[in-house]
Amino acid sequence: MNHNIFSGAFFTQIELKYGLNRIDDFHKWQSIIEKGAEFSDSERLHLVNQFANRHINFVSDIEHWNKNDYWGTPIESLGTKGGDCEDFAIFKYFTLKAMGVSEEKMRLMYVRALLIDQPHMVLIYFDNPKAMPLVLDNLTTSIKKSNQRTDLKPIYSFNSQGLWLTKARGLGSNRPVSTGSKSWTDLVNRIENGE
């Protein structure tokens, strides 16, 4: 997904699929992607975290998609104005990527949210490979270092380059232990097909 998707035909498809009332949020999304291309990574993280947390409402997969587990594309999440924690993290990941943030700096991370005692997904960002990652989460508007998020117990993280098992809070093994998951592969294919 890149910022070149925002053509007249794209907006026509959005209107047909999600309705005229959803167009405004897609124009806002286009605007933050285009403006964000000129920003620092720190500014991009804050802009995208705020945008997603304001424009997407939390809805469980069973209620939203009538499925136990479904990973919505950024277009589906914004179009339906809803998604679960995975959809928020996915939206943030691909929006930041479209702004120019390197995939090597970002991972989706499965955690245990200790306060609600549930599995949860967040986006983590590494300024450099040795840095303590920052956590972007739909449960809070604050972006904090992973060692400050004592309410989260890391399990594993992944991106398009692989999957990492977590050895310590926010840190994983230095090399991927696998090339990803079926859910991730299916999601990327759907995004590439414009969904």
N, C-alpha and C. Protein backbone atom coordinates (compact mmCIF):
# COMPACT_ATOMS: atom_id res chain seq x y z
N MET A 1 0.85 -1.17 0.00
CA MET A 1 0.00 0.00 0.00
C MET A 1 0.89 1.23 0.00
N ASN A 2 0.61 2.17 -0.89
CA ASN A 2 1.33 3.44 -0.86
C ASN A 2 0.35 4.58 -1.07
N HIS A 3 0.86 5.80 -0.93
CA HIS A 3 -0.04 6.95 -1.02
C HIS A 3 -0.59 7.18 -2.43
N ASN A 4 -0.10 6.45 -3.43
CA ASN A 4 -0.60 6.60 -4.79
C ASN A 4 -1.93 5.90 -5.02
N ILE A 5 -2.45 5.20 -4.01
CA ILE A 5 -3.74 4.52 -4.18
C ILE A 5 -4.90 5.49 -4.23
N PHE A 6 -4.70 6.73 -3.78
CA PHE A 6 -5.81 7.67 -3.62
C PHE A 6 -6.18 8.36 -4.93
N SER A 7 -6.74 7.60 -5.85
CA SER A 7 -7.18 8.13 -7.15
C SER A 7 -8.68 8.39 -7.10
N GLY A 8 -9.19 9.01 -8.15
CA GLY A 8 -10.64 9.19 -8.25
C GLY A 8 -11.37 7.87 -8.22
N ALA A 9 -10.81 6.86 -8.90
CA ALA A 9 -11.43 5.53 -8.92
C ALA A 9 -11.46 4.92 -7.52
N PHE A 10 -10.40 5.16 -6.75
CA PHE A 10 -10.35 4.65 -5.37
C PHE A 10 -11.51 5.22 -4.55
N PHE A 11 -11.69 6.52 -4.62
CA PHE A 11 -12.75 7.15 -3.83
C PHE A 11 -14.14 6.72 -4.31
N THR A 12 -14.29 6.46 -5.60
CA THR A 12 -15.56 5.94 -6.11
C THR A 12 -15.83 4.56 -5.52
N GLN A 13 -14.81 3.71 -5.49
CA GLN A 13 -14.96 2.37 -4.90
C GLN A 13 -15.31 2.46 -3.41
N ILE A 14 -14.67 3.38 -2.70
CA ILE A 14 -14.95 3.55 -1.27
C ILE A 14 -16.40 3.97 -1.08
N GLU A 15 -16.86 4.91 -1.88
CA GLU A 15 -18.26 5.36 -1.77
C GLU A 15 -19.23 4.22 -2.05
N LEU A 16 -18.95 3.43 -3.09
CA LEU A 16 -19.83 2.31 -3.43
C LEU A 16 -19.86 1.25 -2.33
N LYS A 17 -18.70 0.96 -1.75
CA LYS A 17 -18.62 -0.12 -0.77
C LYS A 17 -19.02 0.31 0.64
N TYR A 18 -18.62 1.53 1.06
CA TYR A 18 -18.81 1.94 2.45
C TYR A 18 -19.77 3.11 2.63
N GLY A 19 -20.11 3.78 1.53
CA GLY A 19 -21.06 4.89 1.62
C GLY A 19 -20.38 6.25 1.57
N LEU A 20 -21.13 7.24 1.14
CA LEU A 20 -20.63 8.60 0.98
C LEU A 20 -20.13 9.18 2.31
N ASN A 21 -20.76 8.79 3.41
CA ASN A 21 -20.36 9.34 4.71
C ASN A 21 -18.97 8.90 5.17
N ARG A 22 -18.36 7.94 4.52
CA ARG A 22 -17.02 7.47 4.90
C ARG A 22 -15.90 8.16 4.10
N ILE A 23 -16.27 8.88 3.04
CA ILE A 23 -15.27 9.50 2.17
C ILE A 23 -14.39 10.49 2.93
N ASP A 24 -14.98 11.29 3.81
CA ASP A 24 -14.23 12.32 4.53
C ASP A 24 -13.04 11.72 5.30
N ASP A 25 -13.27 10.60 6.00
CA ASP A 25 -12.17 9.98 6.74
C ASP A 25 -11.07 9.48 5.81
N PHE A 26 -11.43 9.02 4.61
CA PHE A 26 -10.41 8.57 3.66
C PHE A 26 -9.60 9.76 3.12
N HIS A 27 -10.26 10.91 2.93
CA HIS A 27 -9.51 12.11 2.53
C HIS A 27 -8.56 12.55 3.65
N LYS A 28 -9.01 12.45 4.90
CA LYS A 28 -8.14 12.78 6.04
C LYS A 28 -6.96 11.82 6.10
N TRP A 29 -7.23 10.54 5.85
CA TRP A 29 -6.16 9.53 5.85
C TRP A 29 -5.14 9.85 4.76
N GLN A 30 -5.63 10.17 3.56
CA GLN A 30 -4.75 10.55 2.46
C GLN A 30 -3.88 11.74 2.87
N SER A 31 -4.49 12.73 3.50
CA SER A 31 -3.78 13.93 3.92
C SER A 31 -2.67 13.63 4.92
N ILE A 32 -2.96 12.79 5.93
CA ILE A 32 -1.90 12.53 6.91
C ILE A 32 -0.77 11.71 6.29
N ILE A 33 -1.09 10.83 5.35
CA ILE A 33 -0.03 10.06 4.69
C ILE A 33 0.86 10.99 3.87
N GLU A 34 0.24 11.88 3.11
CA GLU A 34 1.01 12.79 2.26
C GLU A 34 1.82 13.78 3.10
N LYS A 35 1.21 14.36 4.12
CA LYS A 35 1.93 15.30 4.99
C LYS A 35 3.00 14.57 5.80
N GLY A 36 2.67 13.38 6.27
CA GLY A 36 3.58 12.62 7.10
C GLY A 36 4.85 12.21 6.39
N ALA A 37 4.82 12.16 5.08
CA ALA A 37 6.02 11.80 4.32
C ALA A 37 7.15 12.79 4.57
N GLU A 38 6.81 14.02 5.00
CA GLU A 38 7.80 15.06 5.26
C GLU A 38 8.21 15.13 6.73
N PHE A 39 7.56 14.38 7.61
CA PHE A 39 7.78 14.47 9.05
C PHE A 39 8.87 13.51 9.52
N SER A 40 9.34 13.74 10.74
CA SER A 40 10.25 12.79 11.38
C SER A 40 9.45 11.55 11.78
N ASP A 41 10.14 10.46 12.05
CA ASP A 41 9.44 9.25 12.49
C ASP A 41 8.65 9.50 13.76
N SER A 42 9.20 10.25 14.69
CA SER A 42 8.50 10.54 15.95
C SER A 42 7.17 11.25 15.68
N GLU A 43 7.20 12.25 14.81
CA GLU A 43 5.96 12.97 14.46
C GLU A 43 4.98 12.04 13.76
N ARG A 44 5.47 11.18 12.90
CA ARG A 44 4.61 10.23 12.19
C ARG A 44 3.92 9.29 13.17
N LEU A 45 4.67 8.76 14.13
CA LEU A 45 4.10 7.84 15.11
C LEU A 45 2.94 8.48 15.85
N HIS A 46 3.14 9.70 16.33
CA HIS A 46 2.09 10.39 17.09
C HIS A 46 0.88 10.70 16.22
N LEU A 47 1.13 11.14 15.00
CA LEU A 47 0.04 11.47 14.08
C LEU A 47 -0.81 10.24 13.76
N VAL A 48 -0.17 9.14 13.44
CA VAL A 48 -0.89 7.91 13.07
C VAL A 48 -1.59 7.30 14.27
N ASN A 49 -0.93 7.29 15.42
CA ASN A 49 -1.55 6.74 16.62
C ASN A 49 -2.83 7.51 16.96
N GLN A 50 -2.76 8.83 16.92
CA GLN A 50 -3.95 9.66 17.20
C GLN A 50 -5.04 9.43 16.17
N PHE A 51 -4.66 9.41 14.90
CA PHE A 51 -5.65 9.25 13.83
C PHE A 51 -6.40 7.93 13.98
N ALA A 52 -5.66 6.84 14.11
CA ALA A 52 -6.30 5.52 14.22
C ALA A 52 -7.18 5.43 15.45
N ASN A 53 -6.68 5.90 16.58
CA ASN A 53 -7.45 5.80 17.82
C ASN A 53 -8.70 6.68 17.81
N ARG A 54 -8.72 7.71 16.95
CA ARG A 54 -9.90 8.58 16.83
C ARG A 54 -10.90 8.10 15.78
N HIS A 55 -10.41 7.53 14.70
CA HIS A 55 -11.26 7.24 13.54
C HIS A 55 -11.68 5.79 13.41
N ILE A 56 -11.16 4.93 14.27
CA ILE A 56 -11.57 3.52 14.27
C ILE A 56 -12.06 3.19 15.67
N ASN A 57 -13.21 2.57 15.75
CA ASN A 57 -13.78 2.17 17.04
C ASN A 57 -13.50 0.70 17.29
N PHE A 58 -13.27 0.36 18.56
CA PHE A 58 -13.03 -1.04 18.89
C PHE A 58 -14.32 -1.83 18.74
N VAL A 59 -14.25 -2.91 17.96
CA VAL A 59 -15.35 -3.86 17.78
C VAL A 59 -14.73 -5.25 17.70
N SER A 60 -15.25 -6.20 18.44
CA SER A 60 -14.70 -7.56 18.40
C SER A 60 -14.93 -8.18 17.02
N ASP A 61 -14.08 -9.12 16.65
CA ASP A 61 -14.20 -9.79 15.35
C ASP A 61 -15.55 -10.48 15.20
N ILE A 62 -16.02 -11.12 16.25
CA ILE A 62 -17.29 -11.86 16.15
C ILE A 62 -18.45 -10.91 15.89
N GLU A 63 -18.42 -9.74 16.53
CA GLU A 63 -19.47 -8.75 16.33
C GLU A 63 -19.33 -8.03 14.99
N HIS A 64 -18.09 -7.74 14.61
CA HIS A 64 -17.82 -6.95 13.41
C HIS A 64 -17.86 -7.76 12.13
N TRP A 65 -17.21 -8.92 12.14
CA TRP A 65 -17.05 -9.72 10.92
C TRP A 65 -17.77 -11.06 10.99
N ASN A 66 -18.39 -11.36 12.12
CA ASN A 66 -19.06 -12.64 12.35
C ASN A 66 -18.08 -13.81 12.20
N LYS A 67 -16.84 -13.57 12.64
CA LYS A 67 -15.78 -14.58 12.62
C LYS A 67 -15.04 -14.51 13.94
N ASN A 68 -14.49 -15.63 14.37
CA ASN A 68 -13.71 -15.64 15.62
C ASN A 68 -12.44 -14.83 15.51
N ASP A 69 -11.80 -14.86 14.34
CA ASP A 69 -10.56 -14.11 14.14
C ASP A 69 -10.50 -13.65 12.70
N TYR A 70 -10.38 -12.34 12.51
CA TYR A 70 -10.28 -11.77 11.17
C TYR A 70 -9.36 -10.57 11.25
N TRP A 71 -8.39 -10.50 10.35
CA TRP A 71 -7.49 -9.36 10.29
C TRP A 71 -7.96 -8.44 9.17
N GLY A 72 -8.52 -7.31 9.55
CA GLY A 72 -9.01 -6.34 8.57
C GLY A 72 -7.87 -5.55 7.96
N THR A 73 -8.01 -5.24 6.68
CA THR A 73 -7.04 -4.37 6.02
C THR A 73 -7.27 -2.94 6.52
N PRO A 74 -6.30 -2.05 6.30
CA PRO A 74 -6.53 -0.65 6.68
C PRO A 74 -7.77 -0.05 6.02
N ILE A 75 -8.02 -0.40 4.77
CA ILE A 75 -9.20 0.12 4.08
C ILE A 75 -10.47 -0.41 4.72
N GLU A 76 -10.50 -1.69 5.06
CA GLU A 76 -11.69 -2.27 5.71
C GLU A 76 -11.92 -1.64 7.09
N SER A 77 -10.87 -1.45 7.85
CA SER A 77 -11.02 -0.88 9.20
C SER A 77 -11.52 0.56 9.14
N LEU A 78 -10.95 1.36 8.25
CA LEU A 78 -11.40 2.75 8.14
C LEU A 78 -12.78 2.83 7.49
N GLY A 79 -13.01 1.97 6.50
CA GLY A 79 -14.30 1.97 5.81
C GLY A 79 -15.46 1.59 6.70
N THR A 80 -15.24 0.64 7.58
CA THR A 80 -16.31 0.19 8.49
C THR A 80 -16.25 0.94 9.82
N LYS A 81 -15.21 1.76 9.98
CA LYS A 81 -15.00 2.55 11.20
C LYS A 81 -14.89 1.66 12.43
N GLY A 82 -14.32 0.45 12.23
CA GLY A 82 -14.22 -0.47 13.35
C GLY A 82 -13.17 -1.53 13.16
N GLY A 83 -12.76 -2.11 14.28
CA GLY A 83 -11.80 -3.20 14.26
C GLY A 83 -11.38 -3.55 15.67
N ASP A 84 -10.70 -4.68 15.79
CA ASP A 84 -10.17 -5.05 17.11
C ASP A 84 -8.70 -4.62 17.19
N CYS A 85 -8.02 -5.03 18.25
CA CYS A 85 -6.65 -4.58 18.48
C CYS A 85 -5.73 -4.90 17.31
N GLU A 86 -5.93 -6.06 16.68
CA GLU A 86 -5.09 -6.43 15.53
C GLU A 86 -5.29 -5.45 14.39
N ASP A 87 -6.55 -5.06 14.16
CA ASP A 87 -6.85 -4.15 13.06
C ASP A 87 -6.24 -2.76 13.30
N PHE A 88 -6.25 -2.29 14.55
CA PHE A 88 -5.60 -1.02 14.88
C PHE A 88 -4.11 -1.11 14.58
N ALA A 89 -3.46 -2.17 15.05
CA ALA A 89 -2.01 -2.32 14.85
C ALA A 89 -1.67 -2.43 13.36
N ILE A 90 -2.47 -3.17 12.62
CA ILE A 90 -2.27 -3.32 11.18
C ILE A 90 -2.45 -1.98 10.47
N PHE A 91 -3.49 -1.25 10.83
CA PHE A 91 -3.74 0.07 10.24
C PHE A 91 -2.53 0.98 10.46
N LYS A 92 -2.03 1.01 11.68
CA LYS A 92 -0.89 1.87 12.02
C LYS A 92 0.37 1.44 11.26
N TYR A 93 0.62 0.14 11.20
CA TYR A 93 1.80 -0.39 10.51
C TYR A 93 1.82 0.04 9.04
N PHE A 94 0.72 -0.22 8.34
CA PHE A 94 0.71 0.07 6.90
C PHE A 94 0.61 1.56 6.61
N THR A 95 0.00 2.33 7.49
CA THR A 95 -0.04 3.78 7.29
C THR A 95 1.35 4.36 7.48
N LEU A 96 2.05 3.94 8.51
CA LEU A 96 3.43 4.42 8.72
C LEU A 96 4.34 3.98 7.58
N LYS A 97 4.15 2.78 7.10
CA LYS A 97 4.94 2.30 5.95
C LYS A 97 4.68 3.19 4.73
N ALA A 98 3.41 3.55 4.49
CA ALA A 98 3.08 4.42 3.36
C ALA A 98 3.70 5.81 3.51
N MET A 99 3.93 6.25 4.74
CA MET A 99 4.58 7.54 5.00
C MET A 99 6.08 7.48 4.80
N GLY A 100 6.63 6.27 4.74
CA GLY A 100 8.07 6.13 4.55
C GLY A 100 8.83 5.55 5.72
N VAL A 101 8.14 5.13 6.78
CA VAL A 101 8.83 4.48 7.91
C VAL A 101 9.27 3.09 7.45
N SER A 102 10.51 2.77 7.70
CA SER A 102 11.07 1.48 7.29
C SER A 102 10.40 0.33 8.03
N GLU A 103 10.05 -0.72 7.28
CA GLU A 103 9.47 -1.92 7.90
C GLU A 103 10.41 -2.53 8.93
N GLU A 104 11.70 -2.36 8.74
CA GLU A 104 12.68 -2.91 9.67
C GLU A 104 12.54 -2.30 11.07
N LYS A 105 11.93 -1.13 11.16
CA LYS A 105 11.76 -0.46 12.45
C LYS A 105 10.44 -0.81 13.14
N MET A 106 9.58 -1.55 12.45
CA MET A 106 8.24 -1.81 13.00
C MET A 106 7.95 -3.30 13.08
N ARG A 107 7.22 -3.66 14.11
CA ARG A 107 6.72 -5.04 14.24
C ARG A 107 5.35 -4.99 14.90
N LEU A 108 4.51 -5.92 14.50
CA LEU A 108 3.28 -6.16 15.23
C LEU A 108 3.66 -7.10 16.36
N MET A 109 3.16 -6.83 17.56
CA MET A 109 3.55 -7.67 18.69
C MET A 109 2.32 -8.19 19.42
N TYR A 110 2.28 -9.52 19.55
CA TYR A 110 1.27 -10.15 20.39
C TYR A 110 1.74 -10.05 21.83
N VAL A 111 0.84 -9.62 22.69
CA VAL A 111 1.12 -9.47 24.11
C VAL A 111 -0.06 -10.02 24.90
N ARG A 112 0.13 -10.12 26.19
CA ARG A 112 -0.99 -10.38 27.10
C ARG A 112 -1.25 -9.06 27.80
N ALA A 113 -2.47 -8.52 27.64
CA ALA A 113 -2.86 -7.29 28.33
C ALA A 113 -3.27 -7.70 29.74
N LEU A 114 -2.42 -7.43 30.70
CA LEU A 114 -2.60 -7.94 32.06
C LEU A 114 -3.80 -7.33 32.77
N LEU A 115 -4.12 -6.07 32.50
CA LEU A 115 -5.24 -5.42 33.19
C LEU A 115 -6.59 -5.98 32.78
N ILE A 116 -6.68 -6.45 31.53
CA ILE A 116 -7.94 -7.05 31.07
C ILE A 116 -7.82 -8.56 30.90
N ASP A 117 -6.62 -9.08 31.18
CA ASP A 117 -6.32 -10.51 31.12
C ASP A 117 -6.77 -11.14 29.79
N GLN A 118 -6.29 -10.52 28.70
CA GLN A 118 -6.64 -11.00 27.36
C GLN A 118 -5.44 -10.90 26.43
N PRO A 119 -5.42 -11.75 25.40
CA PRO A 119 -4.42 -11.56 24.34
C PRO A 119 -4.70 -10.21 23.67
N HIS A 120 -3.64 -9.58 23.20
CA HIS A 120 -3.77 -8.23 22.65
C HIS A 120 -2.66 -8.03 21.62
N MET A 121 -2.86 -7.14 20.66
CA MET A 121 -1.82 -6.83 19.70
C MET A 121 -1.55 -5.34 19.70
N VAL A 122 -0.27 -4.99 19.62
CA VAL A 122 0.16 -3.60 19.54
C VAL A 122 1.17 -3.49 18.40
N LEU A 123 1.50 -2.26 18.04
CA LEU A 123 2.58 -2.00 17.09
C LEU A 123 3.77 -1.52 17.90
N ILE A 124 4.94 -2.07 17.62
CA ILE A 124 6.15 -1.56 18.27
C ILE A 124 7.07 -0.97 17.21
N TYR A 125 7.82 0.06 17.63
CA TYR A 125 8.72 0.80 16.75
C TYR A 125 10.10 0.87 17.40
N PHE A 126 11.12 0.48 16.64
CA PHE A 126 12.51 0.56 17.08
C PHE A 126 13.19 1.70 16.34
N ASP A 127 13.67 2.71 17.07
CA ASP A 127 14.42 3.79 16.42
C ASP A 127 15.71 3.24 15.81
N ASN A 128 16.31 2.28 16.50
CA ASN A 128 17.46 1.55 15.97
C ASN A 128 17.40 0.15 16.57
N PRO A 129 18.15 -0.80 16.01
CA PRO A 129 18.02 -2.20 16.45
C PRO A 129 18.29 -2.43 17.94
N LYS A 130 19.08 -1.59 18.57
CA LYS A 130 19.41 -1.78 19.98
C LYS A 130 18.51 -0.96 20.91
N ALA A 131 17.65 -0.13 20.35
CA ALA A 131 16.79 0.75 21.16
C ALA A 131 15.64 -0.02 21.80
N MET A 132 15.19 0.48 22.93
CA MET A 132 13.98 -0.03 23.56
C MET A 132 12.82 0.43 22.68
N PRO A 133 11.97 -0.49 22.21
CA PRO A 133 10.91 -0.09 21.29
C PRO A 133 9.82 0.75 21.95
N LEU A 134 9.18 1.57 21.13
CA LEU A 134 8.01 2.34 21.54
C LEU A 134 6.77 1.52 21.22
N VAL A 135 5.73 1.67 22.03
CA VAL A 135 4.50 0.89 21.87
C VAL A 135 3.36 1.82 21.46
N LEU A 136 2.72 1.49 20.32
CA LEU A 136 1.51 2.17 19.87
C LEU A 136 0.35 1.21 20.12
N ASP A 137 -0.64 1.67 20.87
CA ASP A 137 -1.68 0.79 21.39
C ASP A 137 -3.03 1.47 21.29
N ASN A 138 -4.06 0.72 20.92
CA ASN A 138 -5.40 1.30 20.86
C ASN A 138 -6.01 1.49 22.25
N LEU A 139 -5.41 0.91 23.29
CA LEU A 139 -5.93 1.06 24.65
C LEU A 139 -5.53 2.38 25.29
N THR A 140 -4.56 3.08 24.69
CA THR A 140 -4.09 4.35 25.24
C THR A 140 -3.61 5.26 24.11
N THR A 141 -3.72 6.56 24.33
CA THR A 141 -3.22 7.51 23.33
C THR A 141 -1.74 7.80 23.53
N SER A 142 -1.19 7.41 24.69
CA SER A 142 0.22 7.65 24.98
C SER A 142 1.10 6.63 24.27
N ILE A 143 2.20 7.10 23.75
CA ILE A 143 3.22 6.22 23.17
C ILE A 143 4.34 6.14 24.19
N LYS A 144 4.61 4.94 24.69
CA LYS A 144 5.63 4.76 25.73
C LYS A 144 6.62 3.68 25.31
N LYS A 145 7.79 3.72 25.95
CA LYS A 145 8.77 2.65 25.75
C LYS A 145 8.19 1.36 26.32
N SER A 146 8.57 0.25 25.72
CA SER A 146 8.01 -1.04 26.13
C SER A 146 8.30 -1.36 27.60
N ASN A 147 9.43 -0.92 28.12
CA ASN A 147 9.74 -1.22 29.53
C ASN A 147 8.88 -0.40 30.49
N GLN A 148 8.16 0.60 29.98
CA GLN A 148 7.22 1.37 30.80
C GLN A 148 5.81 0.79 30.74
N ARG A 149 5.59 -0.16 29.85
CA ARG A 149 4.27 -0.78 29.70
C ARG A 149 4.24 -2.08 30.49
N THR A 150 4.26 -1.96 31.81
CA THR A 150 4.25 -3.13 32.68
C THR A 150 2.90 -3.85 32.65
N ASP A 151 1.91 -3.23 32.01
CA ASP A 151 0.59 -3.85 31.86
C ASP A 151 0.56 -4.83 30.70
N LEU A 152 1.65 -4.92 29.93
CA LEU A 152 1.71 -5.81 28.77
C LEU A 152 2.80 -6.86 28.97
N LYS A 153 2.47 -8.10 28.68
CA LYS A 153 3.46 -9.18 28.73
C LYS A 153 3.73 -9.63 27.29
N PRO A 154 4.91 -9.29 26.73
CA PRO A 154 5.23 -9.63 25.34
C PRO A 154 5.30 -11.14 25.12
N ILE A 155 4.82 -11.57 23.95
CA ILE A 155 4.86 -12.99 23.60
C ILE A 155 5.72 -13.19 22.34
N TYR A 156 5.32 -12.58 21.23
CA TYR A 156 6.14 -12.62 20.02
C TYR A 156 5.81 -11.43 19.15
N SER A 157 6.70 -11.13 18.20
CA SER A 157 6.48 -10.02 17.28
C SER A 157 6.80 -10.48 15.87
N PHE A 158 6.26 -9.75 14.90
CA PHE A 158 6.49 -10.12 13.50
C PHE A 158 6.27 -8.92 12.59
N ASN A 159 6.81 -9.03 11.40
CA ASN A 159 6.56 -8.11 10.29
C ASN A 159 6.76 -8.89 9.01
N SER A 160 6.92 -8.21 7.89
CA SER A 160 7.05 -8.92 6.62
C SER A 160 8.37 -9.69 6.53
N GLN A 161 9.30 -9.41 7.43
CA GLN A 161 10.61 -10.07 7.39
C GLN A 161 10.69 -11.32 8.25
N GLY A 162 9.73 -11.52 9.15
CA GLY A 162 9.77 -12.73 9.97
C GLY A 162 9.05 -12.59 11.29
N LEU A 163 9.21 -13.62 12.10
CA LEU A 163 8.57 -13.70 13.41
C LEU A 163 9.67 -13.89 14.46
N TRP A 164 9.58 -13.13 15.55
CA TRP A 164 10.58 -13.19 16.61
C TRP A 164 9.93 -13.60 17.91
N LEU A 165 10.54 -14.56 18.60
CA LEU A 165 10.09 -14.92 19.94
C LEU A 165 10.66 -13.90 20.91
N THR A 166 9.91 -13.57 21.93
CA THR A 166 10.33 -12.55 22.88
C THR A 166 11.12 -13.17 24.02
N LYS A 167 12.31 -12.61 24.27
CA LYS A 167 13.15 -13.08 25.36
C LYS A 167 12.99 -12.20 26.60
N ALA A 168 12.75 -10.93 26.40
CA ALA A 168 12.61 -9.98 27.51
C ALA A 168 11.63 -8.90 27.09
N ARG A 169 11.19 -8.10 28.02
CA ARG A 169 10.17 -7.08 27.74
C ARG A 169 10.56 -6.23 26.53
N GLY A 170 9.83 -6.41 25.44
CA GLY A 170 10.03 -5.60 24.26
C GLY A 170 11.19 -6.01 23.38
N LEU A 171 11.93 -7.04 23.76
CA LEU A 171 13.09 -7.43 22.97
C LEU A 171 12.96 -8.87 22.55
N GLY A 172 13.39 -9.16 21.33
CA GLY A 172 13.31 -10.53 20.84
C GLY A 172 14.66 -11.03 20.40
N SER A 173 14.68 -12.25 19.93
CA SER A 173 15.92 -12.82 19.39
C SER A 173 16.37 -11.98 18.21
N ASN A 174 17.68 -11.99 17.92
CA ASN A 174 18.19 -11.10 16.89
C ASN A 174 17.83 -11.55 15.48
N ARG A 175 17.31 -12.72 15.33
CA ARG A 175 16.96 -13.15 13.98
C ARG A 175 15.58 -13.78 14.00
N PRO A 176 14.90 -13.70 12.86
CA PRO A 176 13.56 -14.27 12.81
C PRO A 176 13.60 -15.78 13.02
N VAL A 177 12.58 -16.30 13.68
CA VAL A 177 12.49 -17.75 13.87
C VAL A 177 11.57 -18.39 12.84
N SER A 178 10.84 -17.59 12.10
CA SER A 178 10.02 -18.11 11.00
C SER A 178 9.71 -16.96 10.06
N THR A 179 9.10 -17.25 8.94
CA THR A 179 8.83 -16.22 7.95
C THR A 179 7.43 -15.64 8.08
N GLY A 180 6.71 -15.91 9.13
CA GLY A 180 5.41 -15.29 9.32
C GLY A 180 4.31 -16.29 9.52
N SER A 181 3.09 -15.81 9.33
CA SER A 181 1.92 -16.65 9.57
C SER A 181 0.97 -16.58 8.39
N LYS A 182 0.05 -17.51 8.33
CA LYS A 182 -0.95 -17.53 7.27
C LYS A 182 -1.82 -16.29 7.33
N SER A 183 -2.20 -15.85 8.54
CA SER A 183 -3.03 -14.64 8.67
C SER A 183 -2.31 -13.44 8.07
N TRP A 184 -1.00 -13.33 8.34
CA TRP A 184 -0.21 -12.21 7.80
C TRP A 184 -0.15 -12.30 6.28
N THR A 185 0.15 -13.47 5.74
CA THR A 185 0.24 -13.65 4.29
C THR A 185 -1.09 -13.33 3.62
N ASP A 186 -2.18 -13.82 4.18
CA ASP A 186 -3.51 -13.54 3.62
C ASP A 186 -3.81 -12.04 3.65
N LEU A 187 -3.46 -11.38 4.76
CA LEU A 187 -3.69 -9.94 4.88
C LEU A 187 -2.92 -9.17 3.82
N VAL A 188 -1.64 -9.46 3.67
CA VAL A 188 -0.81 -8.76 2.68
C VAL A 188 -1.37 -8.97 1.27
N ASN A 189 -1.80 -10.18 0.95
CA ASN A 189 -2.39 -10.45 -0.36
C ASN A 189 -3.65 -9.62 -0.58
N ARG A 190 -4.50 -9.50 0.45
CA ARG A 190 -5.73 -8.72 0.33
C ARG A 190 -5.42 -7.23 0.16
N ILE A 191 -4.40 -6.74 0.85
CA ILE A 191 -4.00 -5.34 0.70
C ILE A 191 -3.50 -5.10 -0.72
N GLU A 192 -2.67 -6.02 -1.23
CA GLU A 192 -2.15 -5.87 -2.59
C GLU A 192 -3.25 -5.91 -3.63
N ASN A 193 -4.37 -6.56 -3.31
CA ASN A 193 -5.53 -6.61 -4.21
C ASN A 193 -6.48 -5.43 -4.00
N GLY A 194 -6.07 -4.47 -3.17
CA GLY A 194 -6.86 -3.25 -3.00
C GLY A 194 -8.01 -3.34 -2.03
N GLU A 195 -8.03 -4.35 -1.19
CA GLU A 195 -9.12 -4.48 -0.21
C GLU A 195 -8.88 -3.61 1.00
